[in-house]
Amino acid sequence: MQSELKKAKIRQERRVKRNRKALIRSERPRLSVNRSLTNLYAQIIDDRESKTVVGLSTACKDLKTIKDRKERAKKAGAMLAKLALAKGVEKVVFDRGHCKFHGRIAAFAEGAREAGLVF
């Protein structure tokens, strides 16, 4: 019999596959966001070429001074959007992975939208 932790991990992987399956069909680059207890990691991935265009983490020096995690996520979204616009990426598809769209994930998306990314 599987432990509860293994069952939860299997459910999480199924959720990621189900969400990502529809996103990869899109012709836009994918804005993938991953959340840990302390940090938020995001990257814009071009699935056609299998390359990362831009990546960012809330663990970088510029953002470490901000104590509020939601505010830090919002600033990270704005920074990632500026980097993406500099690389010529304006429209993306938001990939939240296994995380729900609330809290730090929603704050990150809000910051990216305010800085000019379209999704």
Protein backbone atom coordinates (compact mmCIF):
# COMPACT_ATOMS: atom_id res chain seq x y z
CA MET A 1 0.00 0.00 0.00
CA GLN A 2 1.26 3.45 -0.89
CA SER A 3 1.85 6.07 1.73
CA GLU A 4 -0.25 9.21 1.77
CA LEU A 5 2.78 11.26 0.70
CA LYS A 6 3.28 9.14 -2.43
CA LYS A 7 -0.41 9.40 -3.29
CA ALA A 8 -0.27 13.19 -2.94
CA LYS A 9 2.81 13.35 -5.18
CA ILE A 10 1.06 11.24 -7.84
CA ARG A 11 -2.00 13.52 -7.74
CA GLN A 12 0.28 16.56 -8.04
CA GLU A 13 2.06 15.13 -11.09
CA ARG A 14 -1.26 14.31 -12.77
CA ARG A 15 -2.47 17.85 -12.15
CA VAL A 16 0.70 19.30 -13.69
CA LYS A 17 0.42 17.07 -16.78
CA ARG A 18 -3.25 17.93 -17.25
CA ASN A 19 -2.63 21.68 -16.97
CA ARG A 20 0.51 21.68 -19.11
CA LYS A 21 -0.94 19.52 -21.91
CA ALA A 22 -3.19 22.33 -23.12
CA LEU A 23 -0.52 25.01 -22.68
CA ILE A 24 2.17 23.34 -24.77
CA ARG A 25 -0.12 23.28 -27.82
CA SER A 26 -0.11 27.06 -27.80
CA GLU A 27 2.31 28.91 -30.06
CA ARG A 28 3.18 31.39 -27.32
CA PRO A 29 6.10 30.94 -24.94
CA ARG A 30 5.18 29.48 -21.55
CA LEU A 31 5.65 31.43 -18.31
CA SER A 32 6.28 28.63 -15.81
CA VAL A 33 6.06 29.45 -12.10
CA ASN A 34 7.18 27.21 -9.25
CA ARG A 35 6.71 28.00 -5.56
CA SER A 36 8.65 26.77 -2.57
CA LEU A 37 8.14 27.68 1.06
CA THR A 38 10.59 30.57 0.89
CA ASN A 39 11.06 31.52 -2.76
CA LEU A 40 9.34 31.75 -6.10
CA TYR A 41 11.01 30.61 -9.32
CA ALA A 42 9.84 31.63 -12.78
CA GLN A 43 11.04 31.21 -16.32
CA ILE A 44 9.77 31.87 -19.79
CA ILE A 45 10.23 28.77 -21.94
CA ASP A 46 9.98 28.48 -25.71
CA ASP A 47 8.70 24.91 -26.14
CA ARG A 48 9.21 24.87 -29.91
CA GLU A 49 12.95 25.35 -29.50
CA SER A 50 13.14 23.80 -25.99
CA LYS A 51 15.01 26.80 -24.64
CA THR A 52 14.60 29.08 -21.66
CA VAL A 53 14.30 32.70 -22.78
CA VAL A 54 14.37 34.39 -19.36
CA GLY A 55 14.54 33.10 -15.80
CA LEU A 56 14.24 34.77 -12.39
CA SER A 57 14.01 33.87 -8.71
CA THR A 58 13.00 35.78 -5.62
CA ALA A 59 16.30 34.65 -4.10
CA CYS A 60 18.23 37.26 -6.13
CA LYS A 61 19.99 40.12 -4.34
CA ASP A 62 17.58 42.84 -5.49
CA LEU A 63 14.56 41.09 -3.99
CA LYS A 64 16.03 39.57 -0.81
CA THR A 65 15.67 42.86 1.06
CA ILE A 66 11.84 42.78 0.78
CA LYS A 67 10.42 40.85 3.73
CA ASP A 68 6.77 40.49 2.61
CA ARG A 69 6.63 37.43 0.33
CA LYS A 70 3.64 38.67 -1.68
CA GLU A 71 5.28 42.02 -2.33
CA ARG A 72 8.51 40.25 -3.28
CA ALA A 73 6.56 38.05 -5.73
CA LYS A 74 4.89 41.08 -7.28
CA LYS A 75 8.26 42.82 -7.78
CA ALA A 76 9.70 39.61 -9.26
CA GLY A 77 6.82 39.49 -11.77
CA ALA A 78 7.53 43.05 -12.81
CA MET A 79 11.27 42.34 -13.14
CA LEU A 80 10.65 39.22 -15.23
CA ALA A 81 8.27 41.12 -17.49
CA LYS A 82 10.87 43.84 -18.11
CA LEU A 83 13.50 41.22 -18.96
CA ALA A 84 11.07 39.44 -21.29
CA LEU A 85 10.07 42.64 -23.06
CA ALA A 86 13.76 43.41 -23.57
CA LYS A 87 14.14 40.00 -25.25
CA GLY A 88 11.12 40.67 -27.48
CA VAL A 89 8.57 38.44 -25.71
CA GLU A 90 5.24 40.24 -25.20
CA LYS A 91 2.62 37.46 -25.10
CA VAL A 92 2.94 34.33 -22.98
CA VAL A 93 0.83 31.51 -21.59
CA PHE A 94 0.78 31.30 -17.78
CA ASP A 95 1.73 27.87 -16.40
CA ARG A 96 1.05 27.69 -12.68
CA GLY A 97 2.09 24.04 -12.43
CA HIS A 98 0.54 22.33 -9.42
CA CYS A 99 -0.05 25.55 -7.46
CA LYS A 100 -3.40 27.23 -7.07
CA PHE A 101 -3.78 30.69 -8.56
CA HIS A 102 -3.86 32.72 -5.35
CA GLY A 103 -1.46 34.27 -2.90
CA ARG A 104 2.10 34.66 -4.17
CA ILE A 105 1.30 33.11 -7.56
CA ALA A 106 -1.49 35.64 -8.17
CA ALA A 107 0.72 38.50 -6.93
CA PHE A 108 3.46 37.41 -9.35
CA ALA A 109 0.99 37.33 -12.24
CA GLU A 110 -0.38 40.74 -11.29
CA GLY A 111 3.11 42.26 -11.24
CA ALA A 112 3.94 40.74 -14.65
CA ARG A 113 0.71 42.03 -16.17
CA GLU A 114 1.23 45.54 -14.80
CA ALA A 115 4.73 45.61 -16.29
CA GLY A 116 3.42 44.78 -19.76
CA LEU A 117 3.25 41.00 -20.28
CA VAL A 118 0.03 39.78 -21.90
CA PHE A 119 -1.57 36.51 -20.75
